[in-house]
């Protein structure tokens, strides 16, 4: 296997950022030869976001392996390997442990065993509110890092997935941690996990591993908590973030630390603690790009570095011109996959396309052999629709009309005026074939699309 990057996704924000990472990998963004090994750390068992991410990653892995040849991925779409940690080892990726059940925090601490007149009982009452103690662990930490720190410390101790990580972390491997700083799980989990890695005693490579992290500052708010009796009040997000930053300044030890967030909150979600039905957000996408930047670094910096990203214009809806030229590689990837999705729809019904007969690229091929790619494309379409319609939206790709392709990227004029340009290029690139017909098609398609979209990077 390639050199690896272990990506620890902590809490809901960590999961949503990992979703954007997966979308960009599918769209052709390279991990510079690293196999991405996601490890999800979230005791919130009922969270749909967690289940959806696991399904998305499974779909990516299936698509990657269907396109692989001699153990290597293609040059364009799905070019980088992703693998669950249990595929590297006999251990499982169980990051929920016993803390992820339906116990309250008080039951987790065994407060019922304490004498009501004991010093420990009074200490517990001083440190934690009644709401803290009655809170169910199965729905997360409700924005309380003081609770999360205690529970996550227990999750990390003796976890089988951490032991598997230690066994499989090699000299060239890296670690990347994704978390928010304004909630409960991420704010408490990041420094705990980082300290456990740096203080590892029974490994030569783990304590000194090249480590990066992205810390997501407040980027959305929650509607009035009184309406559904929620315990989470987003009015406290900024205060919690400032307090955590003060702590981070003196304690965190990542080699590269990325900060991403909004200066003013743009989007307000429904305040639902159990489901957290949040649409994809531009800040999560920006946070995702930090992993790819980290993997492009040749080696550890001599001193710790702090990084962030900016946009050219503070507008409600961003495209390439308003976000800035630095976002061109990201926009190209999104345009490439959007055009691929269009071609998949066109070619299913194209009766006279020559490769239908010579290569067997017929309707059955698109519906069956490319089923893994099609399944992922459905996830991508929904993700981009959310990204382009939320506040602050990121909508660099126009609605694709096969007869008007030159304006696919807003603010850019591409030389391909309709879909026939891509079909012709696909034919030109079909001179060489391999034993993997699915890979051949995706290679031809990527080269055809890149012929016209590479202009996005140079203009």
Protein backbone atom coordinates (compact mmCIF):
# COMPACT_ATOMS: atom_id res chain seq x y z
CA UNK A 1 0.00 0.00 0.00
CA UNK A 2 1.02 3.63 -0.55
CA UNK A 3 2.18 5.86 2.26
CA UNK A 4 -0.85 6.69 4.39
CA UNK A 5 -2.51 9.67 6.00
CA UNK A 6 -4.71 8.81 8.97
CA UNK A 7 -7.56 11.33 8.95
CA UNK A 8 -9.29 11.58 12.32
CA UNK A 9 -12.78 13.04 11.86
CA UNK A 10 -14.02 14.25 15.25
CA UNK A 11 -17.70 15.04 15.76
CA UNK A 12 -20.30 16.32 13.31
CA UNK A 13 -18.07 18.97 11.73
CA UNK A 14 -15.29 16.44 11.25
CA UNK A 15 -17.73 14.18 9.42
CA UNK A 16 -19.05 16.94 7.17
CA UNK A 17 -15.54 18.09 6.24
CA UNK A 18 -14.63 14.49 5.42
CA UNK A 19 -17.61 14.38 3.09
CA UNK A 20 -16.17 17.30 1.12
CA UNK A 21 -12.74 15.63 1.08
CA UNK A 22 -14.31 12.52 -0.43
CA UNK A 23 -16.14 14.55 -3.09
CA UNK A 24 -12.94 16.33 -4.11
CA UNK A 25 -11.02 13.04 -4.31
CA UNK A 26 -13.70 11.60 -6.58
CA UNK A 27 -13.51 14.73 -8.73
CA UNK A 28 -9.81 14.25 -9.36
CA UNK A 29 -8.03 16.18 -6.61
CA UNK A 30 -4.84 14.30 -5.80
CA UNK A 31 -3.62 13.24 -2.35
CA UNK A 32 -0.03 13.24 -3.65
CA UNK A 33 0.34 9.48 -3.41
CA UNK A 34 -1.12 9.09 0.10
CA UNK A 35 -3.81 6.54 0.90
CA UNK A 36 -6.48 8.27 2.99
CA UNK A 37 -7.48 6.26 6.07
CA UNK A 38 -10.51 7.93 7.71
CA UNK A 39 -11.19 7.25 11.39
CA UNK A 40 -14.50 8.61 12.68
CA UNK A 41 -14.65 9.60 16.34
CA UNK A 42 -18.20 10.45 17.39
CA UNK A 43 -20.17 8.86 20.25
CA UNK A 44 -23.40 10.29 18.76
CA UNK A 45 -24.75 6.92 17.62
CA UNK A 46 -28.02 8.17 16.14
CA UNK A 47 -26.48 10.86 13.94
CA UNK A 48 -27.51 10.38 10.29
CA UNK A 49 -24.51 12.42 9.15
CA UNK A 50 -22.22 9.73 10.54
CA UNK A 51 -24.10 6.91 8.83
CA UNK A 52 -24.24 8.82 5.54
CA UNK A 53 -20.50 9.48 5.62
CA UNK A 54 -19.74 5.81 6.20
CA UNK A 55 -21.95 4.93 3.21
CA UNK A 56 -20.31 7.60 1.04
CA UNK A 57 -16.82 6.34 1.87
CA UNK A 58 -17.90 2.78 1.08
CA UNK A 59 -19.16 3.99 -2.32
CA UNK A 60 -15.85 5.76 -2.98
CA UNK A 61 -13.84 2.67 -2.06
CA UNK A 62 -16.02 0.51 -4.33
CA UNK A 63 -15.58 2.95 -7.24
CA UNK A 64 -11.82 3.20 -6.70
CA UNK A 65 -11.34 -0.57 -6.74
CA UNK A 66 -13.51 -0.98 -9.83
CA UNK A 67 -11.19 1.46 -11.63
CA UNK A 68 -7.88 0.11 -10.30
CA UNK A 69 -5.40 -1.75 -12.45
CA UNK A 70 -2.44 -3.62 -10.97
CA UNK A 71 -3.18 -2.01 -7.62
CA UNK A 72 -3.08 1.55 -8.97
CA UNK A 73 -5.87 4.03 -9.46
CA UNK A 74 -6.53 6.04 -12.64
CA UNK A 75 -5.01 9.43 -13.43
CA UNK A 76 -8.19 11.51 -13.12
CA UNK A 77 -11.38 10.70 -11.28
CA UNK A 78 -11.03 8.54 -8.13
CA UNK A 79 -7.25 8.64 -8.53
CA UNK A 80 -6.37 8.32 -4.83
CA UNK A 81 -6.89 5.31 -2.62
CA UNK A 82 -9.07 5.36 0.47
CA UNK A 83 -9.30 2.53 2.99
CA UNK A 84 -10.91 1.86 6.36
CA UNK A 85 -8.43 1.05 9.09
CA UNK A 86 -9.89 -2.43 9.58
CA UNK A 87 -8.74 -3.27 6.03
CA UNK A 88 -5.15 -2.63 7.19
CA UNK A 89 -5.46 -4.74 10.30
CA UNK A 90 -7.65 -7.33 11.96
CA UNK A 91 -9.06 -4.69 14.32
CA UNK A 92 -12.31 -2.87 13.70
CA UNK A 93 -13.00 0.82 13.24
CA UNK A 94 -15.10 0.95 16.41
CA UNK A 95 -14.74 4.47 17.76
CA UNK A 96 -17.96 4.47 19.76
CA UNK A 97 -17.03 2.05 22.55
CA UNK A 98 -19.23 1.87 25.66
CA UNK A 99 -19.51 5.65 25.94
CA UNK A 100 -21.74 5.72 22.90
CA UNK A 101 -24.71 4.08 24.57
CA UNK A 102 -27.84 5.54 26.11
CA UNK A 103 -26.35 6.25 29.54
CA UNK A 104 -26.47 9.68 31.06
CA UNK A 105 -23.24 11.46 31.95
CA UNK A 106 -24.03 10.89 35.63
CA UNK A 107 -24.29 7.14 35.00
CA UNK A 108 -21.02 7.25 33.09
CA UNK A 109 -19.37 8.83 36.16
CA UNK A 110 -21.12 6.39 38.54
CA UNK A 111 -22.30 9.28 40.69
CA UNK A 112 -24.95 7.03 42.21
CA UNK A 113 -22.16 5.25 44.07
CA UNK A 114 -21.00 8.45 45.80
CA UNK A 115 -22.01 9.38 49.31
CA UNK A 116 -24.07 12.58 49.09
CA UNK A 117 -21.98 14.09 51.86
CA UNK A 118 -18.61 13.16 50.34
CA UNK A 119 -16.08 15.61 48.93
CA UNK A 120 -16.24 13.88 45.53
CA UNK A 121 -20.00 14.38 45.37
CA UNK A 122 -19.63 18.11 46.06
CA UNK A 123 -16.82 18.34 43.51
CA UNK A 124 -19.02 16.75 40.81
CA UNK A 125 -21.85 19.15 41.65
CA UNK A 126 -19.44 22.08 41.37
CA UNK A 127 -17.93 21.06 38.04
CA UNK A 128 -21.10 19.97 36.24
CA UNK A 129 -24.62 21.30 36.06
CA UNK A 130 -27.69 19.13 36.52
CA UNK A 131 -28.24 19.39 32.77
CA UNK A 132 -24.69 18.15 32.15
CA UNK A 133 -25.19 15.16 34.43
CA UNK A 134 -28.59 14.22 32.96
CA UNK A 135 -27.41 14.55 29.36
CA UNK A 136 -27.50 11.33 27.31
CA UNK A 137 -24.14 10.44 25.78
CA UNK A 138 -25.77 8.87 22.71
CA UNK A 139 -26.66 12.33 21.33
CA UNK A 140 -23.22 13.87 21.75
CA UNK A 141 -22.02 16.47 24.23
CA UNK A 142 -24.41 19.32 23.38
CA UNK A 143 -21.68 21.89 23.04
CA UNK A 144 -20.09 21.04 26.40
CA UNK A 145 -16.34 20.30 26.02
CA UNK A 146 -16.07 19.83 29.80
CA UNK A 147 -18.26 16.73 29.39
CA UNK A 148 -16.64 15.68 26.13
CA UNK A 149 -13.13 15.76 27.59
CA UNK A 150 -14.01 13.20 30.26
CA UNK A 151 -15.95 10.85 27.97
CA UNK A 152 -13.55 11.01 25.02
CA UNK A 153 -10.60 10.35 27.29
CA UNK A 154 -12.29 7.06 28.16
CA UNK A 155 -12.99 6.30 24.48
CA UNK A 156 -9.34 6.84 23.58
CA UNK A 157 -7.98 4.63 26.35
CA UNK A 158 -7.34 1.16 25.04
CA UNK A 159 -9.36 1.67 21.84
CA UNK A 160 -8.71 -1.13 19.35
CA UNK A 161 -8.64 1.32 16.43
CA UNK A 162 -5.88 3.33 18.12
CA UNK A 163 -3.83 0.19 18.62
CA UNK A 164 -4.35 -0.61 14.93
CA UNK A 165 -3.26 2.91 14.02
CA UNK A 166 -0.05 2.50 16.04
CA UNK A 167 0.76 -0.83 14.38
CA UNK A 168 0.21 0.53 10.89
CA UNK A 169 1.75 4.00 11.18
CA UNK A 170 4.96 3.91 9.14
CA UNK A 171 7.88 6.27 8.71
CA UNK A 172 6.37 8.09 5.71
CA UNK A 173 2.83 8.20 7.08
CA UNK A 174 1.07 11.29 8.38
CA UNK A 175 -1.81 12.27 10.66
CA UNK A 176 -4.50 14.86 10.03
CA UNK A 177 -7.16 15.83 12.57
CA UNK A 178 -10.46 17.54 11.70
CA UNK A 179 -12.61 19.15 14.39
CA UNK A 180 -14.64 22.19 15.31
CA UNK A 181 -13.70 24.44 18.21
CA UNK A 182 -17.13 25.76 19.23
CA UNK A 183 -19.02 22.59 20.12
CA UNK A 184 -18.41 19.73 22.53
CA UNK A 185 -17.00 16.73 20.72
CA UNK A 186 -14.50 18.47 18.44
CA UNK A 187 -13.31 21.10 20.90
CA UNK A 188 -12.51 18.47 23.50
CA UNK A 189 -11.45 15.66 21.18
CA UNK A 190 -8.72 17.40 19.20
CA UNK A 191 -6.31 18.25 22.05
CA UNK A 192 -6.95 14.89 23.74
CA UNK A 193 -6.20 12.91 20.60
CA UNK A 194 -3.17 15.01 19.72
CA UNK A 195 -1.72 14.59 23.21
CA UNK A 196 -2.31 10.82 23.12
CA UNK A 197 -0.46 10.58 19.80
CA UNK A 198 2.47 12.73 20.92
CA UNK A 199 2.76 10.89 24.25
CA UNK A 200 2.65 7.37 22.78
CA UNK A 201 5.35 5.26 24.44
CA UNK A 202 5.23 1.93 22.60
CA UNK A 203 5.94 3.18 19.07
CA UNK A 204 8.96 4.81 17.46
CA UNK A 205 7.05 6.49 14.64
CA UNK A 206 3.77 7.66 16.21
CA UNK A 207 5.06 10.31 18.68
CA UNK A 208 7.02 12.09 15.95
CA UNK A 209 4.57 11.65 13.09
CA UNK A 210 4.13 14.63 10.74
CA UNK A 211 0.81 15.98 11.99
CA UNK A 212 -1.62 18.54 10.61
CA UNK A 213 -5.01 19.67 11.87
CA UNK A 214 -7.84 21.91 10.76
CA UNK A 215 -9.82 23.65 13.47
CA UNK A 216 -13.17 24.97 12.30
CA UNK A 217 -14.28 28.18 13.97
CA UNK A 218 -17.99 29.10 14.24
CA UNK A 219 -19.53 29.16 10.78
CA UNK A 220 -23.24 28.64 11.40
CA UNK A 221 -25.79 29.44 14.05
CA UNK A 222 -28.80 27.62 15.47
CA UNK A 223 -32.34 28.89 15.64
CA UNK A 224 -33.95 29.79 18.97
CA UNK A 225 -33.25 26.84 21.34
CA UNK A 226 -36.41 27.60 23.33
CA UNK A 227 -38.64 26.52 20.44
CA UNK A 228 -37.74 22.84 20.83
CA UNK A 229 -36.24 22.89 24.33
CA UNK A 230 -32.70 22.42 23.03
CA UNK A 231 -29.74 22.66 25.39
CA UNK A 232 -27.48 24.10 22.65
CA UNK A 233 -27.41 27.87 22.28
CA UNK A 234 -25.30 29.15 19.40
CA UNK A 235 -25.09 32.56 21.05
CA UNK A 236 -22.28 31.00 23.10
CA UNK A 237 -20.31 29.66 20.12
CA UNK A 238 -17.97 32.64 19.79
CA UNK A 239 -17.30 32.78 23.54
CA UNK A 240 -16.49 29.07 23.62
CA UNK A 241 -14.25 29.39 20.57
CA UNK A 242 -12.25 32.23 22.14
CA UNK A 243 -11.79 30.28 25.36
CA UNK A 244 -10.66 27.19 23.45
CA UNK A 245 -8.24 29.21 21.31
CA UNK A 246 -6.57 30.52 24.44
CA UNK A 247 -6.07 26.95 25.61
CA UNK A 248 -4.93 25.73 22.18
CA UNK A 249 -2.30 28.47 21.94
CA UNK A 250 -0.28 26.90 24.73
CA UNK A 251 -1.06 23.21 24.36
CA UNK A 252 -1.56 21.99 20.78
CA UNK A 253 1.45 20.48 19.04
CA UNK A 254 0.43 19.92 15.41
CA UNK A 255 3.12 20.85 12.89
CA UNK A 256 0.61 22.65 10.67
CA UNK A 257 -2.58 24.04 12.14
CA UNK A 258 -5.25 25.42 9.83
CA UNK A 259 -8.01 27.76 11.04
CA UNK A 260 -11.19 28.13 8.99
CA UNK A 261 -14.40 30.00 9.82
CA UNK A 262 -16.73 32.91 9.16
CA UNK A 263 -16.27 36.41 10.57
CA UNK A 264 -20.06 36.70 10.83
CA UNK A 265 -22.46 33.76 10.88
CA UNK A 266 -24.25 33.35 7.54
CA UNK A 267 -26.43 30.27 7.98
CA UNK A 268 -28.84 29.35 10.78
CA UNK A 269 -29.89 25.71 11.06
CA UNK A 270 -32.79 24.11 12.86
CA UNK A 271 -31.79 23.43 16.45
CA UNK A 272 -32.23 19.66 16.45
CA UNK A 273 -29.77 17.89 18.75
CA UNK A 274 -30.61 14.36 17.63
CA UNK A 275 -30.56 14.62 13.83
CA UNK A 276 -28.55 17.82 13.13
CA UNK A 277 -29.91 18.06 9.53
CA UNK A 278 -27.28 20.48 8.21
CA UNK A 279 -26.71 21.06 4.48
CA UNK A 280 -23.19 21.13 3.01
CA UNK A 281 -21.42 24.42 3.69
CA UNK A 282 -18.67 26.39 1.96
CA UNK A 283 -16.57 26.51 5.14
CA UNK A 284 -16.53 22.71 5.27
CA UNK A 285 -15.27 22.71 1.67
CA UNK A 286 -12.51 25.20 2.53
CA UNK A 287 -11.55 23.07 5.53
CA UNK A 288 -11.37 20.06 3.21
CA UNK A 289 -8.79 21.80 1.01
CA UNK A 290 -6.44 22.03 3.99
CA UNK A 291 -5.85 18.27 3.88
CA UNK A 292 -4.71 18.46 0.26
CA UNK A 293 -2.43 21.41 1.04
CA UNK A 294 -0.96 19.47 3.97
CA UNK A 295 -0.23 16.46 1.78
CA UNK A 296 1.63 18.65 -0.73
CA UNK A 297 4.16 19.69 1.90
CA UNK A 298 7.46 17.84 1.37
CA UNK A 299 8.37 17.56 5.04
CA UNK A 300 7.81 18.92 8.53
CA UNK A 301 8.43 22.65 8.93
CA UNK A 302 11.15 23.61 11.37
CA UNK A 303 8.62 25.56 13.43
CA UNK A 304 4.88 25.16 13.90
CA UNK A 305 2.87 26.97 11.22
CA UNK A 306 -0.60 28.48 11.42
CA UNK A 307 -2.54 28.88 8.18
CA UNK A 308 -5.92 30.04 6.93
CA UNK A 309 -7.67 30.93 3.66
CA UNK A 310 -9.49 34.04 2.49
CA UNK A 311 -11.93 34.99 -0.24
CA UNK A 312 -11.62 37.94 -2.63
CA UNK A 313 -15.09 39.38 -2.03
CA UNK A 314 -17.43 39.14 0.95
CA UNK A 315 -20.59 38.26 -0.99
CA UNK A 316 -23.49 35.89 -0.16
CA UNK A 317 -22.92 33.67 -3.22
CA UNK A 318 -19.40 32.83 -4.36
CA UNK A 319 -18.04 31.71 -7.71
CA UNK A 320 -14.50 31.59 -9.08
CA UNK A 321 -14.14 35.34 -9.58
CA UNK A 322 -15.50 36.31 -6.16
CA UNK A 323 -13.73 33.52 -4.27
CA UNK A 324 -10.38 34.17 -5.97
CA UNK A 325 -7.90 32.50 -8.31
CA UNK A 326 -6.60 30.31 -5.50
CA UNK A 327 -9.82 28.32 -5.74
CA UNK A 328 -9.31 27.48 -9.45
CA UNK A 329 -8.10 23.86 -8.85
CA UNK A 330 -11.15 23.23 -6.68
CA UNK A 331 -13.51 24.71 -9.29
CA UNK A 332 -11.89 22.65 -12.04
CA UNK A 333 -12.49 19.43 -10.10
CA UNK A 334 -16.12 20.32 -9.55
CA UNK A 335 -16.56 21.24 -13.22
CA UNK A 336 -14.87 18.00 -14.34
CA UNK A 337 -17.19 15.79 -12.30
CA UNK A 338 -20.28 17.78 -13.31
CA UNK A 339 -19.39 17.35 -16.99
CA UNK A 340 -18.71 13.65 -16.44
CA UNK A 341 -22.17 13.31 -14.92
CA UNK A 342 -23.67 14.98 -17.98
CA UNK A 343 -21.77 12.69 -20.37
CA UNK A 344 -22.94 9.59 -18.50
CA UNK A 345 -26.52 10.68 -19.11
CA UNK A 346 -25.92 11.54 -22.78
CA UNK A 347 -24.02 8.38 -23.72
CA UNK A 348 -26.65 6.04 -22.29
CA UNK A 349 -29.02 7.21 -25.02
CA UNK A 350 -26.53 7.88 -27.83
CA UNK A 351 -27.36 5.28 -30.49
CA UNK A 352 -24.60 6.03 -32.99
CA UNK A 353 -21.59 6.60 -30.75
CA UNK A 354 -18.83 4.42 -32.33
CA UNK A 355 -17.48 3.05 -29.03
CA UNK A 356 -20.86 1.51 -28.34
CA UNK A 357 -20.03 -1.28 -30.78
CA UNK A 358 -16.22 -1.40 -30.76
CA UNK A 359 -15.71 -1.22 -26.98
CA UNK A 360 -19.10 -2.34 -25.71
CA UNK A 361 -19.88 1.02 -24.15
CA UNK A 362 -23.61 0.38 -24.44
CA UNK A 363 -26.52 1.08 -22.13
CA UNK A 364 -25.88 -2.07 -20.12
CA UNK A 365 -22.27 -0.97 -19.58
CA UNK A 366 -23.35 2.44 -18.23
CA UNK A 367 -26.04 0.95 -15.99
CA UNK A 368 -24.10 -2.08 -14.76
CA UNK A 369 -20.33 -1.79 -15.11
CA UNK A 370 -20.37 1.87 -14.11
CA UNK A 371 -22.86 1.34 -11.28
CA UNK A 372 -20.32 2.32 -8.60
CA UNK A 373 -19.54 5.57 -10.39
CA UNK A 374 -23.24 6.26 -10.97
CA UNK A 375 -24.02 5.68 -7.30
CA UNK A 376 -21.34 8.13 -6.25
CA UNK A 377 -22.49 10.67 -8.84
CA UNK A 378 -25.90 10.78 -7.14
CA UNK A 379 -24.22 11.73 -3.85
CA UNK A 380 -22.13 14.37 -5.63
CA UNK A 381 -25.19 15.97 -7.26
CA UNK A 382 -27.00 16.31 -3.94
CA UNK A 383 -23.87 17.66 -2.23
CA UNK A 384 -23.32 20.33 -4.87
CA UNK A 385 -26.99 21.33 -4.79
CA UNK A 386 -26.70 21.93 -1.04
CA UNK A 387 -23.39 23.75 -1.39
CA UNK A 388 -24.73 26.06 -4.08
CA UNK A 389 -27.96 26.97 -2.30
CA UNK A 390 -27.03 27.47 1.35
CA UNK A 391 -25.70 30.66 2.95
CA UNK A 392 -22.85 31.39 2.15
CA UNK A 393 -23.26 29.53 -1.11
CA UNK A 394 -20.50 28.35 -3.40
CA UNK A 395 -21.91 28.02 -6.91
CA UNK A 396 -19.12 28.24 -9.53
CA UNK A 397 -20.80 25.74 -11.89
CA UNK A 398 -23.75 26.80 -14.05
CA UNK A 399 -26.69 24.54 -14.81
CA UNK A 400 -25.31 22.22 -17.48
CA UNK A 401 -27.01 22.36 -20.86
CA UNK A 402 -25.44 19.93 -23.35
CA UNK A 403 -25.99 22.35 -26.21
CA UNK A 404 -24.45 25.32 -24.33
CA UNK A 405 -21.28 23.99 -22.72
CA UNK A 406 -18.95 26.96 -23.13
CA UNK A 407 -20.36 28.68 -20.04
CA UNK A 408 -20.25 25.69 -17.65
CA UNK A 409 -17.97 27.63 -15.29
CA UNK A 410 -19.37 31.00 -14.32
CA UNK A 411 -17.19 33.83 -15.57
CA UNK A 412 -15.19 31.56 -17.91
CA UNK A 413 -15.66 30.78 -21.60
CA UNK A 414 -14.54 27.27 -22.51
CA UNK A 415 -13.76 26.28 -26.08
CA UNK A 416 -16.21 23.35 -26.09
CA UNK A 417 -19.52 24.87 -27.16
CA UNK A 418 -21.59 21.68 -26.84
CA UNK A 419 -21.29 18.05 -25.76
CA UNK A 420 -20.07 16.90 -29.20
CA UNK A 421 -16.64 18.40 -28.44
CA UNK A 422 -16.24 16.07 -25.47
CA UNK A 423 -17.54 13.04 -27.39
CA UNK A 424 -15.05 13.66 -30.18
CA UNK A 425 -12.17 13.96 -27.71
CA UNK A 426 -13.34 10.80 -26.00
CA UNK A 427 -13.05 9.02 -29.35
CA UNK A 428 -9.57 10.45 -29.98
CA UNK A 429 -8.33 9.18 -26.62
CA UNK A 430 -9.69 5.64 -27.06
CA UNK A 431 -6.72 4.30 -29.03
CA UNK A 432 -5.24 2.42 -26.08
CA UNK A 433 -7.12 -0.08 -23.97
CA UNK A 434 -6.40 -2.27 -20.94
CA UNK A 435 -7.99 -5.31 -19.34
CA UNK A 436 -10.21 -3.01 -17.26
CA UNK A 437 -12.94 -1.59 -19.49
CA UNK A 438 -14.40 0.62 -16.75
CA UNK A 439 -11.03 2.22 -16.15
CA UNK A 440 -10.55 2.72 -19.89
CA UNK A 441 -13.83 4.61 -20.18
CA UNK A 442 -13.05 6.83 -17.19
CA UNK A 443 -9.56 7.55 -18.55
CA UNK A 444 -10.95 8.50 -21.96
CA UNK A 445 -13.62 10.67 -20.34
CA UNK A 446 -11.19 12.47 -18.05
CA UNK A 447 -8.74 13.23 -20.85
CA UNK A 448 -11.59 14.52 -23.01
CA UNK A 449 -12.92 16.77 -20.25
CA UNK A 450 -9.48 17.99 -19.22
CA UNK A 451 -8.77 19.07 -22.80
CA UNK A 452 -11.20 21.95 -22.26
CA UNK A 453 -11.34 22.50 -18.51
CA UNK A 454 -7.56 22.87 -18.01
CA UNK A 455 -8.15 26.42 -19.21
CA UNK A 456 -9.68 27.13 -15.80
CA UNK A 457 -6.21 26.85 -14.23
CA UNK A 458 -4.34 28.98 -16.73
CA UNK A 459 -6.57 31.98 -17.48
